[in-house]
Amino acid sequence: MMMPLENRCPRCNDVRLRAWDELDEAEREVVRRLPSAAGFAVEERAARHLWCVRCWHEETNGAPLLA
């Protein structure tokens, strides 16, 4: 079954992008250590951004995510 393109990483095109709440503690630590290209605070990144756990692409174009 093919994954919808909007849920896939635009860089590696293979893994579903994950919200902060979907990351485990080790993955969150990686995100905390990654530089934020636009200087976003960790709190804003956690609320709005998505990540690929294969290549660590950070999607910043999303609206706030609701829990």
N, C-alpha and C. Protein backbone atom coordinates (compact mmCIF):
# COMPACT_ATOMS: atom_id res chain seq x y z
N MET A 1 0.84 -1.18 0.00
CA MET A 1 0.00 0.00 0.00
C MET A 1 0.89 1.24 0.00
N MET A 2 0.62 2.18 -0.89
CA MET A 2 1.41 3.40 -1.01
C MET A 2 0.98 4.41 0.05
N MET A 3 1.96 5.11 0.61
CA MET A 3 1.69 6.17 1.56
C MET A 3 1.35 7.45 0.81
N PRO A 4 0.39 8.23 1.29
CA PRO A 4 0.10 9.51 0.62
C PRO A 4 1.36 10.37 0.59
N LEU A 5 1.59 11.07 -0.51
CA LEU A 5 2.80 11.87 -0.67
C LEU A 5 2.94 12.95 0.39
N GLU A 6 1.82 13.55 0.84
CA GLU A 6 1.93 14.62 1.82
C GLU A 6 2.43 14.13 3.17
N ASN A 7 2.39 12.84 3.42
CA ASN A 7 2.87 12.28 4.68
C ASN A 7 4.30 11.78 4.59
N ARG A 8 4.88 11.87 3.41
CA ARG A 8 6.22 11.33 3.20
C ARG A 8 7.26 12.42 3.25
N CYS A 9 8.46 12.02 3.59
CA CYS A 9 9.58 12.95 3.65
C CYS A 9 9.92 13.44 2.24
N PRO A 10 10.02 14.76 2.03
CA PRO A 10 10.35 15.26 0.70
C PRO A 10 11.82 15.01 0.34
N ARG A 11 12.65 14.73 1.32
CA ARG A 11 14.06 14.50 1.05
C ARG A 11 14.33 13.04 0.68
N CYS A 12 13.89 12.10 1.51
CA CYS A 12 14.17 10.69 1.21
C CYS A 12 12.95 9.96 0.65
N ASN A 13 11.77 10.58 0.70
CA ASN A 13 10.55 10.09 0.06
C ASN A 13 10.16 8.68 0.48
N ASP A 14 10.55 8.30 1.69
CA ASP A 14 10.29 6.92 2.07
C ASP A 14 9.63 6.77 3.43
N VAL A 15 9.86 7.70 4.33
CA VAL A 15 9.41 7.54 5.70
C VAL A 15 8.37 8.61 6.03
N ARG A 16 7.37 8.22 6.77
CA ARG A 16 6.33 9.16 7.20
C ARG A 16 6.92 10.18 8.18
N LEU A 17 6.59 11.45 7.98
CA LEU A 17 7.02 12.49 8.89
C LEU A 17 6.28 12.33 10.22
N ARG A 18 6.99 12.58 11.31
CA ARG A 18 6.41 12.39 12.63
C ARG A 18 6.35 13.70 13.41
N ALA A 19 5.28 13.85 14.18
CA ALA A 19 5.13 14.98 15.09
C ALA A 19 5.93 14.69 16.36
N TRP A 20 6.16 15.72 17.16
CA TRP A 20 6.92 15.60 18.41
C TRP A 20 6.39 14.48 19.29
N ASP A 21 5.08 14.38 19.42
CA ASP A 21 4.47 13.36 20.28
C ASP A 21 4.67 11.94 19.77
N GLU A 22 5.03 11.79 18.51
CA GLU A 22 5.25 10.47 17.93
C GLU A 22 6.71 10.03 18.06
N LEU A 23 7.58 10.94 18.46
CA LEU A 23 9.00 10.61 18.61
C LEU A 23 9.23 9.98 19.97
N ASP A 24 10.16 9.01 20.04
CA ASP A 24 10.52 8.47 21.34
C ASP A 24 11.56 9.40 21.98
N GLU A 25 11.95 9.14 23.21
CA GLU A 25 12.83 10.05 23.94
C GLU A 25 14.19 10.22 23.25
N ALA A 26 14.75 9.15 22.70
CA ALA A 26 16.03 9.24 21.99
C ALA A 26 15.90 10.11 20.74
N GLU A 27 14.80 9.97 20.01
CA GLU A 27 14.57 10.79 18.81
C GLU A 27 14.37 12.26 19.17
N ARG A 28 13.69 12.51 20.29
CA ARG A 28 13.52 13.90 20.74
C ARG A 28 14.86 14.52 21.10
N GLU A 29 15.75 13.75 21.68
CA GLU A 29 17.07 14.26 22.02
C GLU A 29 17.86 14.62 20.76
N VAL A 30 17.72 13.82 19.71
CA VAL A 30 18.37 14.15 18.43
C VAL A 30 17.82 15.47 17.92
N VAL A 31 16.50 15.66 17.96
CA VAL A 31 15.88 16.89 17.48
C VAL A 31 16.38 18.09 18.30
N ARG A 32 16.48 17.93 19.61
CA ARG A 32 16.97 19.03 20.46
C ARG A 32 18.38 19.46 20.06
N ARG A 33 19.18 18.51 19.61
CA ARG A 33 20.58 18.79 19.25
C ARG A 33 20.75 19.29 17.82
N LEU A 34 19.75 19.06 16.98
CA LEU A 34 19.83 19.55 15.61
C LEU A 34 19.67 21.06 15.59
N PRO A 35 20.45 21.75 14.77
CA PRO A 35 20.26 23.20 14.68
C PRO A 35 18.94 23.53 13.99
N SER A 36 18.32 24.60 14.43
CA SER A 36 17.10 25.08 13.80
C SER A 36 17.50 26.13 12.77
N ALA A 37 17.20 25.88 11.53
CA ALA A 37 17.61 26.76 10.43
C ALA A 37 17.13 28.19 10.62
N ALA A 38 15.95 28.38 11.13
CA ALA A 38 15.39 29.72 11.27
C ALA A 38 15.42 30.21 12.72
N GLY A 39 16.11 29.49 13.59
CA GLY A 39 16.21 29.91 14.98
C GLY A 39 14.97 29.66 15.82
N PHE A 40 14.15 28.68 15.44
CA PHE A 40 12.96 28.37 16.21
C PHE A 40 13.35 27.79 17.57
N ALA A 41 12.61 28.14 18.61
CA ALA A 41 12.79 27.55 19.93
C ALA A 41 12.26 26.12 19.92
N VAL A 42 12.78 25.29 20.81
CA VAL A 42 12.35 23.89 20.88
C VAL A 42 10.84 23.79 21.09
N GLU A 43 10.28 24.68 21.90
CA GLU A 43 8.84 24.64 22.17
C GLU A 43 8.03 24.86 20.90
N GLU A 44 8.45 25.82 20.08
CA GLU A 44 7.74 26.07 18.82
C GLU A 44 7.94 24.92 17.85
N ARG A 45 9.14 24.38 17.81
CA ARG A 45 9.39 23.23 16.93
C ARG A 45 8.51 22.06 17.33
N ALA A 46 8.39 21.81 18.63
CA ALA A 46 7.56 20.70 19.12
C ALA A 46 6.10 20.90 18.77
N ALA A 47 5.64 22.14 18.76
CA ALA A 47 4.23 22.43 18.50
C ALA A 47 3.88 22.42 17.02
N ARG A 48 4.84 22.76 16.14
CA ARG A 48 4.51 23.00 14.74
C ARG A 48 5.23 22.14 13.72
N HIS A 49 6.34 21.56 14.05
CA HIS A 49 7.18 20.93 13.04
C HIS A 49 7.02 19.42 13.02
N LEU A 50 7.44 18.82 11.90
CA LEU A 50 7.43 17.37 11.70
C LEU A 50 8.84 16.95 11.31
N TRP A 51 9.21 15.70 11.64
CA TRP A 51 10.55 15.20 11.35
C TRP A 51 10.52 13.84 10.68
N CYS A 52 11.54 13.61 9.87
CA CYS A 52 11.80 12.30 9.30
C CYS A 52 12.90 11.66 10.15
N VAL A 53 12.64 10.48 10.69
CA VAL A 53 13.64 9.85 11.56
C VAL A 53 14.68 9.07 10.77
N ARG A 54 14.58 9.07 9.47
CA ARG A 54 15.61 8.43 8.63
C ARG A 54 16.71 9.44 8.28
N CYS A 55 16.33 10.61 7.75
CA CYS A 55 17.32 11.59 7.31
C CYS A 55 17.32 12.87 8.16
N TRP A 56 16.40 12.96 9.11
CA TRP A 56 16.24 14.10 10.04
C TRP A 56 15.86 15.39 9.35
N HIS A 57 15.17 15.28 8.21
CA HIS A 57 14.57 16.47 7.60
C HIS A 57 13.53 17.02 8.57
N GLU A 58 13.49 18.35 8.70
CA GLU A 58 12.52 19.00 9.57
C GLU A 58 11.57 19.82 8.70
N GLU A 59 10.30 19.46 8.73
CA GLU A 59 9.27 20.17 7.97
C GLU A 59 8.77 21.32 8.82
N THR A 60 8.90 22.55 8.33
CA THR A 60 8.56 23.73 9.11
C THR A 60 7.34 24.46 8.60
N ASN A 61 6.69 23.97 7.56
CA ASN A 61 5.58 24.68 6.94
C ASN A 61 4.22 24.33 7.50
N GLY A 62 4.16 23.53 8.55
CA GLY A 62 2.88 23.10 9.07
C GLY A 62 2.22 24.10 10.00
N ALA A 63 0.91 23.99 10.11
CA ALA A 63 0.16 24.77 11.07
C ALA A 63 0.34 24.13 12.45
N PRO A 64 -0.03 24.81 13.51
CA PRO A 64 0.09 24.20 14.84
C PRO A 64 -0.64 22.87 14.89
N LEU A 65 -0.01 21.91 15.51
CA LEU A 65 -0.59 20.57 15.63
C LEU A 65 -1.43 20.50 16.90
N LEU A 66 -2.61 19.95 16.80
CA LEU A 66 -3.47 19.81 17.95
C LEU A 66 -3.37 18.40 18.51
N ALA A 67 -3.29 18.29 19.81
CA ALA A 67 -3.14 16.98 20.44
C ALA A 67 -4.48 16.28 20.51
